[in-house]
C-alpha atoms as a PDB file:
ATOM      1  CA  MET A   1     156.174 100.136 152.180  1.00  0.00           C
ATOM      2  CA  LEU A   2     152.976  99.611 150.232  1.00  0.00           C
ATOM      3  CA  ASN A   3     153.001 101.330 146.839  1.00  0.00           C
ATOM      4  CA  ILE A   4     149.525 102.080 145.507  1.00  0.00           C
ATOM      5  CA  THR A   5     150.562 104.922 143.214  1.00  0.00           C
ATOM      6  CA  GLY A   6     147.672 106.224 141.161  1.00  0.00           C
ATOM      7  CA  LYS A   7     144.945 104.628 143.283  1.00  0.00           C
ATOM      8  CA  ARG A   8     142.252 107.154 144.171  1.00  0.00           C
ATOM      9  CA  ILE A   9     141.167 107.283 147.810  1.00  0.00           C
ATOM     10  CA  ALA A  10     138.443 109.451 149.324  1.00  0.00           C
ATOM     11  CA  ILE A  11     138.413 110.430 152.977  1.00  0.00           C
ATOM     12  CA  VAL A  12     135.018 111.639 154.173  1.00  0.00           C
ATOM     13  CA  GLU A  13     135.709 113.026 157.641  1.00  0.00           C
ATOM     14  CA  ASP A  14     134.935 116.285 159.457  1.00  0.00           C
ATOM     15  CA  ASP A  15     137.381 115.886 162.349  1.00  0.00           C
ATOM     16  CA  ILE A  16     140.608 117.763 161.484  1.00  0.00           C
ATOM     17  CA  ALA A  17     142.850 115.585 163.658  1.00  0.00           C
ATOM     18  CA  SER A  18     141.492 112.402 162.047  1.00  0.00           C
ATOM     19  CA  LEU A  19     141.900 113.909 158.574  1.00  0.00           C
ATOM     20  CA  ARG A  20     145.541 114.810 159.199  1.00  0.00           C
ATOM     21  CA  TYR A  21     146.161 111.325 160.584  1.00  0.00           C
ATOM     22  CA  TYR A  22     144.756 109.583 157.483  1.00  0.00           C
ATOM     23  CA  GLU A  23     146.491 111.983 155.113  1.00  0.00           C
ATOM     24  CA  THR A  24     149.836 111.379 156.844  1.00  0.00           C
ATOM     25  CA  LEU A  25     149.444 107.608 156.606  1.00  0.00           C
ATOM     26  CA  LEU A  26     148.316 107.727 152.979  1.00  0.00           C
ATOM     27  CA  LYS A  27     150.887 110.244 151.649  1.00  0.00           C
ATOM     28  CA  GLU A  28     153.695 107.698 151.690  1.00  0.00           C
ATOM     29  CA  THR A  29     151.731 105.187 149.580  1.00  0.00           C
ATOM     30  CA  GLY A  30     151.612 107.228 146.366  1.00  0.00           C
ATOM     31  CA  ALA A  31     147.794 107.215 146.320  1.00  0.00           C
ATOM     32  CA  VAL A  32     145.830 110.240 145.158  1.00  0.00           C
ATOM     33  CA  VAL A  33     143.839 111.390 148.196  1.00  0.00           C
ATOM     34  CA  SER A  34     140.685 113.527 148.087  1.00  0.00           C
ATOM     35  CA  VAL A  35     139.291 114.959 151.308  1.00  0.00           C
ATOM     36  CA  PHE A  36     135.642 115.784 151.950  1.00  0.00           C
ATOM     37  CA  ARG A  37     134.738 117.621 155.160  1.00  0.00           C
ATOM     38  CA  ASN A  38     131.020 116.906 154.806  1.00  0.00           C
ATOM     39  CA  GLY A  39     128.790 114.349 153.154  1.00  0.00           C
ATOM     40  CA  ARG A  40     127.188 116.759 150.698  1.00  0.00           C
ATOM     41  CA  GLU A  41     130.551 117.568 149.047  1.00  0.00           C
ATOM     42  CA  PHE A  42     131.260 113.854 148.632  1.00  0.00           C
ATOM     43  CA  VAL A  43     127.794 113.074 147.242  1.00  0.00           C
ATOM     44  CA  GLU A  44     128.043 115.965 144.747  1.00  0.00           C
ATOM     45  CA  ALA A  45     131.497 114.855 143.612  1.00  0.00           C
ATOM     46  CA  VAL A  46     130.500 111.238 142.945  1.00  0.00           C
ATOM     47  CA  THR A  47     127.034 111.852 141.478  1.00  0.00           C
ATOM     48  CA  THR A  48     128.273 114.466 138.997  1.00  0.00           C
ATOM     49  CA  GLY A  49     131.081 112.164 137.885  1.00  0.00           C
ATOM     50  CA  ARG A  50     133.749 114.688 138.903  1.00  0.00           C
ATOM     51  CA  ALA A  51     135.351 112.132 141.195  1.00  0.00           C
ATOM     52  CA  VAL A  52     135.975 108.405 140.850  1.00  0.00           C
ATOM     53  CA  PHE A  53     137.471 106.401 143.704  1.00  0.00           C
ATOM     54  CA  ASP A  54     139.140 103.037 144.217  1.00  0.00           C
ATOM     55  CA  LEU A  55     138.496 103.094 147.983  1.00  0.00           C
ATOM     56  CA  VAL A  56     136.581 105.302 150.432  1.00  0.00           C
ATOM     57  CA  PHE A  57     137.272 105.886 154.136  1.00  0.00           C
ATOM     58  CA  MET A  58     133.893 107.037 155.460  1.00  0.00           C
ATOM     59  CA  ASP A  59     133.155 108.520 158.870  1.00  0.00           C
ATOM     60  CA  PHE A  60     129.671 107.743 160.168  1.00  0.00           C
ATOM     61  CA  LEU A  61     128.903 111.174 161.644  1.00  0.00           C
ATOM     62  CA  VAL A  62     129.793 113.666 158.931  1.00  0.00           C
ATOM     63  CA  PRO A  63     127.779 116.884 158.573  1.00  0.00           C
ATOM     64  CA  LEU A  64     124.941 117.485 156.094  1.00  0.00           C
ATOM     65  CA  VAL A  65     124.736 113.908 154.747  1.00  0.00           C
ATOM     66  CA  ASN A  66     125.743 111.093 157.115  1.00  0.00           C
ATOM     67  CA  GLY A  67     128.086 108.231 156.226  1.00  0.00           C
ATOM     68  CA  ILE A  68     125.265 105.722 155.657  1.00  0.00           C
ATOM     69  CA  GLU A  69     123.511 107.990 153.131  1.00  0.00           C
ATOM     70  CA  CYS A  70     126.842 108.821 151.467  1.00  0.00           C
ATOM     71  CA  THR A  71     127.504 105.101 151.066  1.00  0.00           C
ATOM     72  CA  ARG A  72     124.035 104.459 149.605  1.00  0.00           C
ATOM     73  CA  THR A  73     124.574 107.218 147.054  1.00  0.00           C
ATOM     74  CA  PHE A  74     128.099 106.043 146.239  1.00  0.00           C
ATOM     75  CA  ARG A  75     126.812 102.513 145.622  1.00  0.00           C
ATOM     76  CA  GLN A  76     124.468 103.858 142.925  1.00  0.00           C
ATOM     77  CA  VAL A  77     127.473 104.961 140.881  1.00  0.00           C
ATOM     78  CA  ASN A  78     130.138 102.484 142.043  1.00  0.00           C
ATOM     79  CA  ARG A  79     129.237  98.984 143.174  1.00  0.00           C
ATOM     80  CA  SER A  80     132.751  97.593 143.528  1.00  0.00           C
ATOM     81  CA  ALA A  81     135.060 100.076 145.301  1.00  0.00           C
ATOM     82  CA  PRO A  82     135.426  99.255 148.996  1.00  0.00           C
ATOM     83  CA  VAL A  83     133.794 101.619 151.480  1.00  0.00           C
ATOM     84  CA  ILE A  84     135.431 101.415 154.902  1.00  0.00           C
ATOM     85  CA  LEU A  85     133.158 102.917 157.539  1.00  0.00           C
ATOM     86  CA  ILE A  86     135.049 104.226 160.557  1.00  0.00           C
ATOM     87  CA  THR A  87     133.182 105.463 163.594  1.00  0.00           C
ATOM     88  CA  ALA A  88     133.579 106.145 167.295  1.00  0.00           C
ATOM     89  CA  TYR A  89     129.937 105.270 167.906  1.00  0.00           C
ATOM     90  CA  TYR A  90     129.069 101.611 167.964  1.00  0.00           C
ATOM     91  CA  SER A  91     125.614 100.148 167.864  1.00  0.00           C
ATOM     92  CA  GLU A  92     124.400  96.924 166.322  1.00  0.00           C
ATOM     93  CA  GLN A  93     121.750  98.913 164.426  1.00  0.00           C
ATOM     94  CA  THR A  94     124.338 101.297 162.950  1.00  0.00           C
ATOM     95  CA  LYS A  95     126.542  98.375 161.959  1.00  0.00           C
ATOM     96  CA  ASN A  96     123.621  96.631 160.240  1.00  0.00           C
ATOM     97  CA  GLU A  97     122.577  99.845 158.457  1.00  0.00           C
ATOM     98  CA  ALA A  98     126.144 100.325 157.253  1.00  0.00           C
ATOM     99  CA  TYR A  99     126.330  96.859 155.710  1.00  0.00           C
ATOM    100  CA  ILE A 100     122.855  97.163 154.162  1.00  0.00           C
ATOM    101  CA  ALA A 101     123.882 100.522 152.642  1.00  0.00           C
ATOM    102  CA  GLY A 102     126.887  98.846 151.024  1.00  0.00           C
ATOM    103  CA  CYS A 103     129.835  99.292 153.372  1.00  0.00           C
ATOM    104  CA  THR A 104     132.588  96.747 152.905  1.00  0.00           C
ATOM    105  CA  GLU A 105     133.976  97.012 156.448  1.00  0.00           C
ATOM    106  CA  TYR A 106     132.888  98.596 159.719  1.00  0.00           C
ATOM    107  CA  ASN A 107     135.695  99.730 162.034  1.00  0.00           C
ATOM    108  CA  LEU A 108     135.681 101.478 165.380  1.00  0.00           C
ATOM    109  CA  LYS A 109     137.966 104.428 166.111  1.00  0.00           C
ATOM    110  CA  PRO A 110     140.767 104.617 166.860  1.00  0.00           C
ATOM    111  CA  VAL A 111     142.085 102.825 163.788  1.00  0.00           C
ATOM    112  CA  PHE A 112     145.811 102.287 164.170  1.00  0.00           C
ATOM    113  CA  PRO A 113     148.344 102.587 161.321  1.00  0.00           C
ATOM    114  CA  ASP A 114     148.787  98.825 160.935  1.00  0.00           C
ATOM    115  CA  LYS A 115     145.023  98.434 160.418  1.00  0.00           C
ATOM    116  CA  ILE A 116     144.978 101.181 157.768  1.00  0.00           C
ATOM    117  CA  HIS A 117     147.885  99.498 155.978  1.00  0.00           C
ATOM    118  CA  LEU A 118     146.134  96.112 156.149  1.00  0.00           C
ATOM    119  CA  ILE A 119     142.995  97.633 154.606  1.00  0.00           C
ATOM    120  CA  LEU A 120     145.011  99.249 151.802  1.00  0.00           C
ATOM    121  CA  GLU A 121     146.913  96.049 151.135  1.00  0.00           C
ATOM    122  CA  LYS A 122     143.759  93.932 151.212  1.00  0.00           C
ATOM    123  CA  TYR A 123     141.822  96.052 148.721  1.00  0.00           C
ATOM    124  CA  LEU A 124     144.343  97.974 146.625  1.00  0.00           C
ATOM    125  CA  SER A 125     147.639  96.138 146.331  1.00  0.00           C
ATOM    126  CA  PRO A 126     148.261  94.361 143.041  1.00  0.00           C
ATOM    127  CA  ARG A 127     147.950  90.597 143.307  1.00  0.00           C
ATOM    128  CA  PRO A 128     150.087  88.201 141.313  1.00  0.00           C
ATOM    129  CA  ALA A 129     148.120  86.384 138.621  1.00  0.00           C
ATOM    130  CA  TYR A 130     148.439  83.020 140.354  1.00  0.00           C
ATOM    131  CA  GLN A 131     146.526  84.386 143.359  1.00  0.00           C
ATOM    132  CA  MET A 132     143.640  85.832 141.396  1.00  0.00           C
ATOM    133  CA  TYR A 133     141.665  82.584 141.395  1.00  0.00           C
ATOM    134  CA  ASP A 134     141.752  81.868 145.131  1.00  0.00           C
END
């Protein structure tokens, strides 16, 4: 089991079932999880400095401020933390907008547990020193 104790993860998602799913998968990792049910709450938290994150799971269609705008705003205060956009709606234009806004990855729903764990491992697991220069 991946141990990312102390890592701060934001979930920006308005769908209750999806939120519960992510929370269940993330609970066992030791990460500190913050949930935002709309984009405005997330934007306010990061722009006021109340919240700092090591990784963000971002839904594309969240109320009030969409995932692309949330990502743009987040990138103004944090250039390095991965933003993983997850959406049920695919279009080449949306995908391009997401990457231009600063998303690290673009994934289509459903995202299965092994994919979530791969993302966490890829971006948050500690790497031995000898691997840091790959």
